N, C-alpha and C. Protein backbone atom coordinates (compact mmCIF):
# COMPACT_ATOMS: atom_id res chain seq x y z
N MET A 1 -7.41 -102.49 43.77
CA MET A 1 -6.68 -102.29 42.53
C MET A 1 -5.47 -103.21 42.50
N THR A 2 -5.22 -103.80 41.36
CA THR A 2 -4.09 -104.69 41.18
C THR A 2 -2.95 -103.92 40.53
N ILE A 3 -1.78 -104.07 41.12
CA ILE A 3 -0.59 -103.41 40.57
C ILE A 3 0.14 -104.40 39.67
N ASN A 4 0.62 -103.91 38.56
CA ASN A 4 1.45 -104.73 37.69
C ASN A 4 2.88 -104.68 38.26
N TYR A 5 3.25 -105.74 38.99
CA TYR A 5 4.55 -105.75 39.65
C TYR A 5 5.70 -105.87 38.66
N LEU A 6 5.42 -106.28 37.44
CA LEU A 6 6.46 -106.29 36.41
C LEU A 6 6.93 -104.86 36.13
N ILE A 7 6.00 -103.92 36.16
CA ILE A 7 6.36 -102.50 35.99
C ILE A 7 7.32 -102.09 37.10
N VAL A 8 7.01 -102.44 38.33
CA VAL A 8 7.86 -102.08 39.48
C VAL A 8 9.24 -102.70 39.32
N GLU A 9 9.30 -103.98 38.96
CA GLU A 9 10.59 -104.65 38.77
C GLU A 9 11.42 -103.97 37.68
N ASN A 10 10.77 -103.60 36.58
CA ASN A 10 11.49 -102.96 35.48
C ASN A 10 11.97 -101.55 35.86
N ILE A 11 11.17 -100.83 36.61
CA ILE A 11 11.58 -99.49 37.04
C ILE A 11 12.80 -99.60 37.95
N LEU A 12 12.81 -100.59 38.84
CA LEU A 12 13.93 -100.75 39.76
C LEU A 12 15.23 -101.11 39.04
N LYS A 13 15.16 -101.49 37.78
CA LYS A 13 16.35 -101.78 36.98
C LYS A 13 16.92 -100.53 36.31
N GLU A 14 16.17 -99.43 36.36
CA GLU A 14 16.61 -98.18 35.74
C GLU A 14 17.79 -97.59 36.52
N ALA A 15 18.62 -96.84 35.83
CA ALA A 15 19.85 -96.28 36.42
C ALA A 15 19.60 -95.44 37.67
N GLU A 16 18.50 -94.70 37.71
CA GLU A 16 18.22 -93.83 38.85
C GLU A 16 18.06 -94.61 40.15
N PHE A 17 17.70 -95.88 40.04
CA PHE A 17 17.41 -96.70 41.21
C PHE A 17 18.53 -97.67 41.56
N LYS A 18 19.63 -97.61 40.84
CA LYS A 18 20.78 -98.46 41.11
C LYS A 18 21.77 -97.69 41.99
N PRO A 19 22.71 -98.40 42.64
CA PRO A 19 23.72 -97.70 43.45
C PRO A 19 24.40 -96.60 42.63
N GLY A 20 24.45 -95.42 43.19
CA GLY A 20 25.03 -94.26 42.50
C GLY A 20 24.02 -93.46 41.71
N GLY A 21 22.83 -94.00 41.53
CA GLY A 21 21.78 -93.29 40.78
C GLY A 21 21.16 -92.18 41.61
N MET A 22 20.44 -91.30 40.95
CA MET A 22 19.88 -90.12 41.61
C MET A 22 18.99 -90.48 42.79
N VAL A 23 18.06 -91.40 42.61
CA VAL A 23 17.15 -91.75 43.70
C VAL A 23 17.90 -92.49 44.80
N TRP A 24 18.77 -93.40 44.42
CA TRP A 24 19.57 -94.15 45.40
C TRP A 24 20.34 -93.16 46.29
N LYS A 25 21.04 -92.21 45.67
CA LYS A 25 21.81 -91.21 46.44
C LYS A 25 20.89 -90.39 47.34
N HIS A 26 19.76 -90.00 46.81
CA HIS A 26 18.82 -89.18 47.57
C HIS A 26 18.37 -89.90 48.84
N ILE A 27 18.04 -91.16 48.71
CA ILE A 27 17.55 -91.93 49.85
C ILE A 27 18.67 -92.20 50.85
N THR A 28 19.84 -92.59 50.37
CA THR A 28 20.93 -92.92 51.29
C THR A 28 21.50 -91.70 51.99
N SER A 29 21.35 -90.52 51.40
CA SER A 29 21.85 -89.31 52.04
C SER A 29 20.85 -88.73 53.03
N GLY A 30 19.61 -89.23 52.99
CA GLY A 30 18.59 -88.76 53.93
C GLY A 30 18.03 -87.39 53.62
N ARG A 31 18.21 -86.95 52.39
CA ARG A 31 17.67 -85.64 52.00
C ARG A 31 16.16 -85.71 51.85
N SER A 32 15.46 -84.83 52.47
CA SER A 32 14.00 -84.65 52.40
C SER A 32 13.24 -85.97 52.26
N ASP A 33 12.12 -85.92 51.59
CA ASP A 33 11.21 -87.05 51.51
C ASP A 33 11.61 -87.98 50.36
N SER A 34 11.89 -89.23 50.70
CA SER A 34 12.30 -90.20 49.68
C SER A 34 11.21 -90.45 48.65
N LEU A 35 9.96 -90.41 49.08
CA LEU A 35 8.85 -90.65 48.15
C LEU A 35 8.80 -89.57 47.08
N VAL A 36 9.17 -88.35 47.41
CA VAL A 36 9.19 -87.27 46.43
C VAL A 36 10.20 -87.58 45.33
N ALA A 37 11.37 -88.07 45.70
CA ALA A 37 12.39 -88.42 44.71
C ALA A 37 11.91 -89.57 43.82
N VAL A 38 11.28 -90.56 44.44
CA VAL A 38 10.76 -91.70 43.67
C VAL A 38 9.67 -91.23 42.72
N ARG A 39 8.73 -90.44 43.22
CA ARG A 39 7.62 -89.97 42.38
C ARG A 39 8.14 -89.17 41.18
N SER A 40 9.14 -88.33 41.42
CA SER A 40 9.70 -87.52 40.34
C SER A 40 10.33 -88.40 39.26
N ALA A 41 11.12 -89.38 39.68
CA ALA A 41 11.77 -90.27 38.71
C ALA A 41 10.75 -91.14 37.98
N VAL A 42 9.79 -91.70 38.71
CA VAL A 42 8.78 -92.56 38.09
C VAL A 42 7.91 -91.74 37.13
N ASP A 43 7.61 -90.51 37.49
CA ASP A 43 6.81 -89.66 36.61
C ASP A 43 7.49 -89.47 35.26
N ARG A 44 8.82 -89.31 35.28
CA ARG A 44 9.56 -89.15 34.02
C ARG A 44 9.54 -90.44 33.19
N MET A 45 9.28 -91.57 33.84
CA MET A 45 9.28 -92.87 33.15
C MET A 45 7.88 -93.36 32.82
N ARG A 46 6.88 -92.56 33.08
CA ARG A 46 5.48 -92.99 32.92
C ARG A 46 5.19 -93.57 31.55
N GLU A 47 5.56 -92.86 30.52
CA GLU A 47 5.27 -93.33 29.16
C GLU A 47 6.13 -94.54 28.80
N LEU A 48 7.39 -94.50 29.19
CA LEU A 48 8.31 -95.59 28.87
C LEU A 48 7.81 -96.92 29.42
N HIS A 49 7.27 -96.90 30.64
CA HIS A 49 6.81 -98.13 31.28
C HIS A 49 5.29 -98.28 31.22
N ASP A 50 4.63 -97.40 30.51
CA ASP A 50 3.18 -97.47 30.31
C ASP A 50 2.43 -97.64 31.64
N ILE A 51 2.68 -96.68 32.54
CA ILE A 51 2.07 -96.72 33.87
C ILE A 51 0.70 -96.04 33.80
N PRO A 52 -0.36 -96.78 34.07
CA PRO A 52 -1.70 -96.17 34.07
C PRO A 52 -1.82 -95.14 35.19
N ASP A 53 -2.54 -94.08 34.92
CA ASP A 53 -2.71 -93.01 35.92
C ASP A 53 -3.26 -93.55 37.23
N ASN A 54 -4.18 -94.50 37.16
CA ASN A 54 -4.80 -95.00 38.39
C ASN A 54 -3.87 -95.92 39.19
N GLN A 55 -2.69 -96.22 38.65
CA GLN A 55 -1.72 -97.05 39.37
C GLN A 55 -0.47 -96.29 39.78
N PHE A 56 -0.37 -95.03 39.38
CA PHE A 56 0.86 -94.27 39.60
C PHE A 56 1.27 -94.23 41.07
N ASN A 57 0.37 -93.86 41.96
CA ASN A 57 0.73 -93.75 43.39
C ASN A 57 1.13 -95.10 43.96
N ALA A 58 0.38 -96.13 43.64
CA ALA A 58 0.69 -97.47 44.15
C ALA A 58 2.04 -97.96 43.62
N VAL A 59 2.32 -97.71 42.35
CA VAL A 59 3.60 -98.10 41.77
C VAL A 59 4.73 -97.37 42.47
N CYS A 60 4.57 -96.08 42.70
CA CYS A 60 5.60 -95.29 43.40
C CYS A 60 5.86 -95.85 44.79
N ASN A 61 4.81 -96.19 45.51
CA ASN A 61 4.98 -96.74 46.86
C ASN A 61 5.72 -98.07 46.82
N GLU A 62 5.40 -98.91 45.85
CA GLU A 62 6.07 -100.21 45.73
C GLU A 62 7.53 -100.04 45.30
N VAL A 63 7.79 -99.08 44.42
CA VAL A 63 9.17 -98.80 44.00
C VAL A 63 9.97 -98.32 45.21
N LEU A 64 9.39 -97.45 46.02
CA LEU A 64 10.07 -96.97 47.23
C LEU A 64 10.40 -98.14 48.15
N LYS A 65 9.44 -99.03 48.38
CA LYS A 65 9.69 -100.20 49.22
C LYS A 65 10.81 -101.05 48.64
N GLY A 66 10.78 -101.22 47.32
CA GLY A 66 11.80 -102.04 46.65
C GLY A 66 13.19 -101.47 46.77
N ILE A 67 13.33 -100.17 46.57
CA ILE A 67 14.68 -99.57 46.65
C ILE A 67 15.15 -99.52 48.10
N GLN A 68 14.24 -99.30 49.03
CA GLN A 68 14.65 -99.33 50.44
C GLN A 68 15.14 -100.72 50.82
N ALA A 69 14.50 -101.75 50.31
CA ALA A 69 14.94 -103.12 50.59
C ALA A 69 16.31 -103.37 49.98
N LYS A 70 16.54 -102.88 48.76
CA LYS A 70 17.83 -103.05 48.11
C LYS A 70 18.92 -102.33 48.90
N ILE A 71 18.63 -101.13 49.36
CA ILE A 71 19.61 -100.36 50.14
C ILE A 71 19.93 -101.07 51.45
N ALA A 72 18.90 -101.67 52.05
CA ALA A 72 19.10 -102.38 53.31
C ALA A 72 19.78 -103.74 53.11
N GLY A 73 19.92 -104.15 51.86
CA GLY A 73 20.62 -105.40 51.57
C GLY A 73 19.73 -106.61 51.46
N PHE A 74 18.45 -106.40 51.28
CA PHE A 74 17.51 -107.54 51.16
C PHE A 74 17.26 -107.89 49.72
C-alpha cells in the first residue's frame, strides 16, 4: 500500500503536533502509549485531511515517526 506522504506532512503542521500541542506534550511527558495519542488526534482529522480508511494505521505510524523526529531535533 502506498501512503500519501502529503497527508502526513499536512497533519504534522496541525497545532496538536507542534511544540505545546496536545500530542507533543503527551509524547514529551512520557504518558502512556504515544501511538494512542497520535491515533486519537489523527482520527479527529480524518475528514479534514481525507484519510482513506485503508491508510489510517499507516498514516498514524508515519505521523508518530515524524513527531518523534521533530522532538528529537531532526
